[in-house]
């Protein structure tokens, strides 16, 4: 029989890992869980080092150098938030998610999401921002947690590559104005199509939640509102698709202006 550092699913450390699936416990310890080998590898590539890691040698042997505690199949499956482990669990510390932690390029491109509810949508927005080369994602009064296991997983590791800030609406509006960044709000009822907006300069693209869209306050504070024309029976696209269309239009305009 193989010998593991932790073999029993009833081990106290396993119970702690299970507790970290809940936001209250994550916030208390200021630690979050990563379970995918490729996401751990991406984190390491971008200078993020786990403070603890657990590996089941029956499932995997990491291709990267990582000091770890060994776990049995039963123990690591119990500790996994999906109850079916990939063979690795790594704990990373929280980092600064204030607006001051976002480093802006000379021509900033930002994605602002207000009232976002679903961790999967947040993960998708991080992938979109990473792909578009955005300066960061700003979360305005979100319900979704950037360190939720589903956010981490759906981001495919771009949580570690894209700066993320969380703030209330008034602070975000003031911060953008202080940095001379225009706010472009997406709205199904806006008269202008998104491809007609000037997106080549410093700009923050605002998207709202699936259920509510952007608040009246966010729309009122925007420098411009744009819509995505809909030619079928649906009146809108989901948050991630909307964000992708508009931010890549900004990328297209910037590339066109650079030619």
Protein backbone atom coordinates (compact mmCIF):
# COMPACT_ATOMS: atom_id res chain seq x y z
CA UNK A 1 0.00 0.00 0.00
CA UNK A 2 1.26 3.47 -0.90
CA UNK A 3 2.21 5.79 1.94
CA UNK A 4 0.80 9.34 1.81
CA UNK A 5 1.31 12.36 4.04
CA UNK A 6 -2.50 12.57 4.24
CA UNK A 7 -4.49 9.43 3.54
CA UNK A 8 -7.79 9.88 5.39
CA UNK A 9 -10.67 12.01 4.06
CA UNK A 10 -11.41 12.83 7.70
CA UNK A 11 -8.03 14.54 8.17
CA UNK A 12 -8.33 18.06 9.62
CA UNK A 13 -6.38 19.55 6.73
CA UNK A 14 -8.86 18.02 4.28
CA UNK A 15 -11.68 19.60 6.27
CA UNK A 16 -9.92 22.96 6.09
CA UNK A 17 -9.59 22.70 2.31
CA UNK A 18 -13.30 21.96 2.10
CA UNK A 19 -14.08 25.03 4.21
CA UNK A 20 -12.08 27.21 1.83
CA UNK A 21 -14.69 26.50 -0.82
CA UNK A 22 -16.85 28.99 1.07
CA UNK A 23 -16.21 32.70 0.67
CA UNK A 24 -16.46 33.41 4.40
CA UNK A 25 -13.56 31.10 5.14
CA UNK A 26 -11.54 32.30 2.15
CA UNK A 27 -11.92 35.87 3.34
CA UNK A 28 -10.92 34.90 6.88
CA UNK A 29 -7.71 33.19 5.76
CA UNK A 30 -7.22 35.40 2.69
CA UNK A 31 -6.43 32.25 0.72
CA UNK A 32 -8.06 30.67 -2.31
CA UNK A 33 -7.89 27.29 -3.99
CA UNK A 34 -6.61 26.32 -7.44
CA UNK A 35 -7.14 22.76 -8.64
CA UNK A 36 -6.11 22.65 -12.31
CA UNK A 37 -2.44 21.86 -13.13
CA UNK A 38 -2.40 24.22 -16.13
CA UNK A 39 -3.77 27.05 -13.98
CA UNK A 40 -1.15 26.45 -11.29
CA UNK A 41 1.49 26.47 -14.02
CA UNK A 42 0.18 29.75 -15.44
CA UNK A 43 0.23 31.26 -11.96
CA UNK A 44 3.85 30.23 -11.47
CA UNK A 45 4.78 31.65 -14.88
CA UNK A 46 3.42 35.04 -13.77
CA UNK A 47 5.16 35.13 -10.42
CA UNK A 48 2.39 33.82 -8.17
CA UNK A 49 3.61 31.16 -5.77
CA UNK A 50 1.27 28.97 -3.70
CA UNK A 51 1.86 28.93 0.03
CA UNK A 52 0.64 25.32 0.27
CA UNK A 53 0.12 22.58 -2.30
CA UNK A 54 -1.20 19.04 -2.25
CA UNK A 55 -0.68 16.35 -4.88
CA UNK A 56 -2.07 12.87 -5.36
CA UNK A 57 0.69 10.90 -7.14
CA UNK A 58 -1.92 8.35 -8.23
CA UNK A 59 -3.52 11.06 -10.37
CA UNK A 60 -0.66 13.24 -11.57
CA UNK A 61 2.99 14.19 -11.37
CA UNK A 62 3.37 17.95 -11.84
CA UNK A 63 5.59 18.96 -14.74
CA UNK A 64 6.72 22.01 -12.73
CA UNK A 65 8.75 22.22 -9.54
CA UNK A 66 6.38 22.48 -6.59
CA UNK A 67 6.93 21.54 -2.97
CA UNK A 68 3.86 19.61 -1.90
CA UNK A 69 2.15 17.32 0.56
CA UNK A 70 0.98 13.99 -0.85
CA UNK A 71 -2.64 12.90 -0.55
CA UNK A 72 -4.49 9.68 -1.25
CA UNK A 73 -7.20 9.58 -3.92
CA UNK A 74 -9.90 9.50 -1.27
CA UNK A 75 -8.48 12.47 0.62
CA UNK A 76 -7.89 14.74 -2.38
CA UNK A 77 -11.26 13.88 -3.92
CA UNK A 78 -12.93 14.85 -0.64
CA UNK A 79 -10.98 18.10 -0.55
CA UNK A 80 -11.81 18.98 -4.17
CA UNK A 81 -14.71 21.37 -4.68
CA UNK A 82 -15.85 19.18 -7.59
CA UNK A 83 -15.43 15.99 -5.53
CA UNK A 84 -13.35 14.63 -8.42
CA UNK A 85 -9.81 15.94 -8.26
CA UNK A 86 -7.35 16.55 -11.08
CA UNK A 87 -4.69 15.46 -8.60
CA UNK A 88 -3.49 18.85 -7.38
CA UNK A 89 -4.73 21.49 -4.95
CA UNK A 90 -2.76 24.69 -4.41
CA UNK A 91 -3.50 27.54 -2.00
CA UNK A 92 -2.66 31.06 -3.15
CA UNK A 93 -2.82 34.24 -1.08
CA UNK A 94 -5.22 37.05 -1.90
CA UNK A 95 -3.68 40.13 -3.46
CA UNK A 96 -4.58 43.80 -3.56
CA UNK A 97 -7.80 44.36 -5.53
CA UNK A 98 -8.06 48.11 -4.98
CA UNK A 99 -8.17 50.55 -7.89
CA UNK A 100 -4.69 51.73 -6.95
CA UNK A 101 -3.33 48.28 -7.82
CA UNK A 102 -4.32 48.65 -11.50
CA UNK A 103 -1.33 49.79 -13.53
CA UNK A 104 -2.45 51.79 -16.58
CA UNK A 105 -0.77 51.89 -19.97
CA UNK A 106 -0.46 55.20 -21.85
CA UNK A 107 -3.66 54.34 -23.77
CA UNK A 108 -5.75 52.37 -21.27
CA UNK A 109 -8.37 49.81 -22.24
CA UNK A 110 -10.50 48.57 -19.34
CA UNK A 111 -13.50 46.33 -18.85
CA UNK A 112 -15.91 47.37 -16.09
CA UNK A 113 -18.58 44.92 -14.91
CA UNK A 114 -21.34 46.15 -12.62
CA UNK A 115 -23.31 43.85 -10.32
CA UNK A 116 -21.88 40.68 -11.82
CA UNK A 117 -23.48 37.62 -10.23
CA UNK A 118 -22.08 34.48 -11.82
CA UNK A 119 -18.49 33.32 -11.20
CA UNK A 120 -18.44 31.67 -14.61
CA UNK A 121 -19.21 34.98 -16.30
CA UNK A 122 -16.46 36.68 -14.34
CA UNK A 123 -13.99 34.00 -15.41
CA UNK A 124 -15.05 34.50 -19.03
CA UNK A 125 -14.58 38.27 -18.73
CA UNK A 126 -11.05 37.73 -17.45
CA UNK A 127 -10.26 35.53 -20.47
CA UNK A 128 -11.70 38.17 -22.80
CA UNK A 129 -9.71 40.97 -21.15
CA UNK A 130 -6.54 38.90 -21.33
CA UNK A 131 -7.10 38.08 -24.99
CA UNK A 132 -7.75 41.71 -25.86
CA UNK A 133 -4.70 42.92 -23.97
CA UNK A 134 -6.80 45.04 -21.62
CA UNK A 135 -5.24 46.86 -18.69
CA UNK A 136 -7.63 45.27 -16.23
CA UNK A 137 -11.12 44.29 -15.16
CA UNK A 138 -12.92 46.47 -12.63
CA UNK A 139 -15.81 44.97 -10.68
CA UNK A 140 -18.43 47.43 -9.47
CA UNK A 141 -20.34 46.16 -6.44
CA UNK A 142 -20.22 42.53 -7.60
CA UNK A 143 -21.91 39.49 -6.11
CA UNK A 144 -19.36 37.30 -7.88
CA UNK A 145 -16.08 36.66 -6.07
CA UNK A 146 -12.85 36.77 -8.12
CA UNK A 147 -11.37 34.06 -5.88
CA UNK A 148 -14.34 31.68 -6.17
CA UNK A 149 -13.20 28.24 -7.43
CA UNK A 150 -15.57 28.51 -10.40
CA UNK A 151 -14.14 31.92 -11.32
CA UNK A 152 -10.61 30.56 -11.11
CA UNK A 153 -11.46 27.53 -13.22
CA UNK A 154 -13.46 29.36 -15.90
CA UNK A 155 -10.74 32.02 -16.18
CA UNK A 156 -8.29 29.25 -17.25
CA UNK A 157 -5.66 31.04 -15.19
CA UNK A 158 -6.13 34.56 -16.57
CA UNK A 159 -7.04 35.62 -13.02
CA UNK A 160 -3.26 35.59 -12.60
CA UNK A 161 -2.55 37.62 -15.75
CA UNK A 162 -5.18 40.40 -15.69
CA UNK A 163 -5.35 42.98 -12.87
CA UNK A 164 -8.71 42.86 -11.08
CA UNK A 165 -10.09 45.64 -8.92
CA UNK A 166 -13.29 45.84 -6.87
CA UNK A 167 -14.87 49.14 -5.83
CA UNK A 168 -18.18 50.93 -5.49
CA UNK A 169 -19.67 52.81 -8.42
CA UNK A 170 -18.89 56.34 -7.27
CA UNK A 171 -15.23 55.52 -6.67
CA UNK A 172 -14.88 53.89 -10.09
CA UNK A 173 -16.53 56.81 -11.87
CA UNK A 174 -14.27 59.28 -10.08
CA UNK A 175 -11.14 57.20 -10.67
CA UNK A 176 -11.83 56.94 -14.41
CA UNK A 177 -12.42 60.68 -14.67
CA UNK A 178 -9.24 61.42 -12.75
CA UNK A 179 -7.33 59.34 -15.32
CA UNK A 180 -9.14 60.89 -18.32
CA UNK A 181 -10.65 57.55 -19.33
CA UNK A 182 -13.98 57.69 -21.16
CA UNK A 183 -16.81 55.42 -20.02
CA UNK A 184 -18.76 53.62 -22.75
CA UNK A 185 -21.84 51.84 -21.43
CA UNK A 186 -23.57 48.94 -23.15
CA UNK A 187 -27.36 49.12 -23.24
CA UNK A 188 -29.95 47.33 -25.39
CA UNK A 189 -31.83 50.62 -25.85
CA UNK A 190 -28.88 52.83 -26.83
CA UNK A 191 -29.36 54.52 -30.20
CA UNK A 192 -25.77 54.09 -31.40
CA UNK A 193 -24.31 50.74 -32.46
CA UNK A 194 -21.07 49.80 -30.74
CA UNK A 195 -19.07 49.87 -33.97
CA UNK A 196 -19.92 53.56 -34.42
CA UNK A 197 -18.39 54.54 -31.07
CA UNK A 198 -14.88 56.02 -30.86
CA UNK A 199 -13.02 53.34 -28.92
CA UNK A 200 -9.43 53.95 -29.99
CA UNK A 201 -8.53 56.25 -27.09
CA UNK A 202 -8.45 55.66 -23.33
CA UNK A 203 -11.73 53.88 -22.68
CA UNK A 204 -13.55 51.77 -20.11
CA UNK A 205 -16.28 49.52 -21.51
CA UNK A 206 -19.11 48.95 -19.03
CA UNK A 207 -21.27 45.82 -18.98
CA UNK A 208 -23.99 44.86 -16.54
CA UNK A 209 -25.36 41.69 -15.00
CA UNK A 210 -27.38 39.13 -16.96
CA UNK A 211 -30.57 39.92 -15.08
CA UNK A 212 -30.47 43.69 -14.62
CA UNK A 213 -28.00 45.16 -17.09
CA UNK A 214 -26.34 48.42 -16.07
CA UNK A 215 -27.91 50.59 -13.38
CA UNK A 216 -29.49 53.95 -14.17
CA UNK A 217 -26.63 55.57 -12.28
CA UNK A 218 -23.99 53.85 -14.40
CA UNK A 219 -25.77 54.83 -17.60
CA UNK A 220 -26.18 58.41 -16.41
CA UNK A 221 -22.45 58.72 -15.66
CA UNK A 222 -21.32 57.23 -18.97
CA UNK A 223 -19.79 59.44 -21.63
CA UNK A 224 -21.53 57.38 -24.31
CA UNK A 225 -23.98 54.46 -24.49
CA UNK A 226 -23.91 51.85 -27.23
CA UNK A 227 -26.02 48.88 -28.23
CA UNK A 228 -25.36 45.60 -29.97
CA UNK A 229 -27.90 45.39 -32.81
CA UNK A 230 -30.17 42.36 -32.48
CA UNK A 231 -31.94 41.04 -35.59
CA UNK A 232 -33.76 38.04 -34.12
CA UNK A 233 -36.22 37.44 -31.34
CA UNK A 234 -33.80 37.93 -28.41
CA UNK A 235 -33.30 41.44 -27.08
CA UNK A 236 -29.74 41.02 -25.81
CA UNK A 237 -26.67 38.80 -25.60
CA UNK A 238 -25.12 37.49 -22.41
CA UNK A 239 -22.61 39.58 -20.51
CA UNK A 240 -19.46 37.85 -21.71
CA UNK A 241 -20.43 37.85 -25.39
CA UNK A 242 -21.40 41.53 -25.21
CA UNK A 243 -18.10 42.40 -23.57
CA UNK A 244 -16.15 40.43 -26.17
CA UNK A 245 -17.81 42.16 -29.12
CA UNK A 246 -17.26 45.68 -27.84
CA UNK A 247 -13.74 45.24 -26.49
CA UNK A 248 -12.55 43.58 -29.69
CA UNK A 249 -14.07 46.45 -31.66
CA UNK A 250 -11.83 48.69 -29.54
CA UNK A 251 -8.87 46.47 -30.43
CA UNK A 252 -9.79 46.66 -34.14
CA UNK A 253 -9.99 50.45 -34.05
CA UNK A 254 -6.66 50.72 -32.27
CA UNK A 255 -4.96 48.44 -34.79
CA UNK A 256 -6.50 50.36 -37.65
CA UNK A 257 -5.30 53.64 -36.19
CA UNK A 258 -1.78 52.25 -35.80
CA UNK A 259 -1.45 51.34 -39.50
